[in-house]
Amino acid sequence: MRIRVYAPPFADTVAIDELGFVALEDGATLGALLKRLRIPFRRIAATFCVVNYEKSAASRVLRDGDVVSFFSLLPGG
């Protein structure tokens, strides 16, 4: 399955293709994606992660075509 990922700057983006997708096996969880992207502190990172624009736990099973993105509590300017 292919998951669209808007990765944070500290992620290892090697697993993300040129169109912004990561290929995962069927039944993979959000936690598995975080591990694949080598995101440190996966439990904390999951707190700032949304799947299809809804807050999700690391145990959430992903489906083909899901969109995973991250948000930051730091204000920009």
C-alpha atoms as a PDB file:
ATOM      1  CA  MET A   1       0.000   0.000   0.000  1.00  0.00           C
ATOM      2  CA  ARG A   2       1.090   3.582  -0.513  1.00  0.00           C
ATOM      3  CA  ILE A   3       0.805   6.264   2.163  1.00  0.00           C
ATOM      4  CA  ARG A   4       1.150   9.978   1.395  1.00  0.00           C
ATOM      5  CA  VAL A   5       3.537  11.525   3.928  1.00  0.00           C
ATOM      6  CA  TYR A   6       4.227  15.147   4.769  1.00  0.00           C
ATOM      7  CA  ALA A   7       7.302  14.443   6.893  1.00  0.00           C
ATOM      8  CA  PRO A   8       8.776  16.689   9.570  1.00  0.00           C
ATOM      9  CA  PRO A   9      12.260  18.108   8.973  1.00  0.00           C
ATOM     10  CA  PHE A  10      13.924  15.620  11.337  1.00  0.00           C
ATOM     11  CA  ALA A  11      12.627  12.527   9.499  1.00  0.00           C
ATOM     12  CA  ASP A  12      14.779  10.304   7.304  1.00  0.00           C
ATOM     13  CA  THR A  13      13.130  10.889   3.938  1.00  0.00           C
ATOM     14  CA  VAL A  14      14.946   8.110   2.055  1.00  0.00           C
ATOM     15  CA  ALA A  15      11.802   5.922   2.199  1.00  0.00           C
ATOM     16  CA  ILE A  16       9.656   8.679   0.631  1.00  0.00           C
ATOM     17  CA  ASP A  17       9.467   8.570  -3.164  1.00  0.00           C
ATOM     18  CA  GLU A  18       9.578  11.605  -5.451  1.00  0.00           C
ATOM     19  CA  LEU A  19       5.779  11.966  -5.273  1.00  0.00           C
ATOM     20  CA  GLY A  20       5.721  11.951  -1.462  1.00  0.00           C
ATOM     21  CA  PHE A  21       4.574   8.367  -0.869  1.00  0.00           C
ATOM     22  CA  VAL A  22       5.938   5.583   1.316  1.00  0.00           C
ATOM     23  CA  ALA A  23       5.274   1.945   0.414  1.00  0.00           C
ATOM     24  CA  LEU A  24       4.259  -0.217   3.384  1.00  0.00           C
ATOM     25  CA  GLU A  25       2.920  -3.738   3.738  1.00  0.00           C
ATOM     26  CA  ASP A  26      -0.830  -4.160   4.221  1.00  0.00           C
ATOM     27  CA  GLY A  27      -1.837  -3.855   7.870  1.00  0.00           C
ATOM     28  CA  ALA A  28       1.084  -1.588   8.819  1.00  0.00           C
ATOM     29  CA  THR A  29       0.509   0.824  11.688  1.00  0.00           C
ATOM     30  CA  LEU A  30       1.349   4.468  12.149  1.00  0.00           C
ATOM     31  CA  GLY A  31       4.086   3.332  14.548  1.00  0.00           C
ATOM     32  CA  ALA A  32       5.629   1.217  11.777  1.00  0.00           C
ATOM     33  CA  LEU A  33       5.649   4.255   9.495  1.00  0.00           C
ATOM     34  CA  LEU A  34       7.338   6.369  12.167  1.00  0.00           C
ATOM     35  CA  LYS A  35       9.953   3.643  12.556  1.00  0.00           C
ATOM     36  CA  ARG A  36      10.456   3.473   8.777  1.00  0.00           C
ATOM     37  CA  LEU A  37      11.031   7.236   8.697  1.00  0.00           C
ATOM     38  CA  ARG A  38      13.455   6.858  11.628  1.00  0.00           C
ATOM     39  CA  ILE A  39      11.622   9.490  13.610  1.00  0.00           C
ATOM     40  CA  PRO A  40      13.158   9.730  17.076  1.00  0.00           C
ATOM     41  CA  PHE A  41      10.934   9.456  20.115  1.00  0.00           C
ATOM     42  CA  ARG A  42       8.142   7.731  18.174  1.00  0.00           C
ATOM     43  CA  ARG A  43       5.686   7.926  21.065  1.00  0.00           C
ATOM     44  CA  ILE A  44       6.131  11.685  21.357  1.00  0.00           C
ATOM     45  CA  ALA A  45       6.138  12.153  17.574  1.00  0.00           C
ATOM     46  CA  ALA A  46       2.808  10.318  17.335  1.00  0.00           C
ATOM     47  CA  THR A  47       1.353  13.031  19.577  1.00  0.00           C
ATOM     48  CA  PHE A  48       2.048  15.539  16.815  1.00  0.00           C
ATOM     49  CA  CYS A  49       0.904  13.347  13.958  1.00  0.00           C
ATOM     50  CA  VAL A  50      -2.411  13.144  12.140  1.00  0.00           C
ATOM     51  CA  VAL A  51      -3.799  10.574   9.725  1.00  0.00           C
ATOM     52  CA  ASN A  52      -6.286  11.941   7.224  1.00  0.00           C
ATOM     53  CA  TYR A  53      -6.301  15.144   9.286  1.00  0.00           C
ATOM     54  CA  GLU A  54      -7.415  13.347  12.476  1.00  0.00           C
ATOM     55  CA  LYS A  55      -5.247  12.819  15.552  1.00  0.00           C
ATOM     56  CA  SER A  56      -4.240   9.174  15.689  1.00  0.00           C
ATOM     57  CA  ALA A  57      -2.404   6.795  17.996  1.00  0.00           C
ATOM     58  CA  ALA A  58       0.730   4.927  16.916  1.00  0.00           C
ATOM     59  CA  SER A  59      -1.347   1.720  16.937  1.00  0.00           C
ATOM     60  CA  ARG A  60      -3.643   2.962  14.152  1.00  0.00           C
ATOM     61  CA  VAL A  61      -3.677   0.635  11.163  1.00  0.00           C
ATOM     62  CA  LEU A  62      -3.021   2.548   7.966  1.00  0.00           C
ATOM     63  CA  ARG A  63      -4.859   2.008   4.689  1.00  0.00           C
ATOM     64  CA  ASP A  64      -3.826   2.562   1.104  1.00  0.00           C
ATOM     65  CA  GLY A  65      -4.080   6.241   0.224  1.00  0.00           C
ATOM     66  CA  ASP A  66      -4.011   7.565   3.799  1.00  0.00           C
ATOM     67  CA  VAL A  67      -2.380  10.946   4.340  1.00  0.00           C
ATOM     68  CA  VAL A  68       0.001  11.289   7.283  1.00  0.00           C
ATOM     69  CA  SER A  69       1.229  14.706   8.337  1.00  0.00           C
ATOM     70  CA  PHE A  70       2.811  16.346  11.353  1.00  0.00           C
ATOM     71  CA  PHE A  71       2.210  19.622  13.107  1.00  0.00           C
ATOM     72  CA  SER A  72       4.353  21.643  15.433  1.00  0.00           C
ATOM     73  CA  LEU A  73       3.481  23.565  18.555  1.00  0.00           C
ATOM     74  CA  LEU A  74       6.233  26.064  17.793  1.00  0.00           C
ATOM     75  CA  PRO A  75       4.926  29.275  16.303  1.00  0.00           C
ATOM     76  CA  GLY A  76       6.362  30.390  13.000  1.00  0.00           C
ATOM     77  CA  GLY A  77       6.972  33.839  11.865  1.00  0.00           C
END
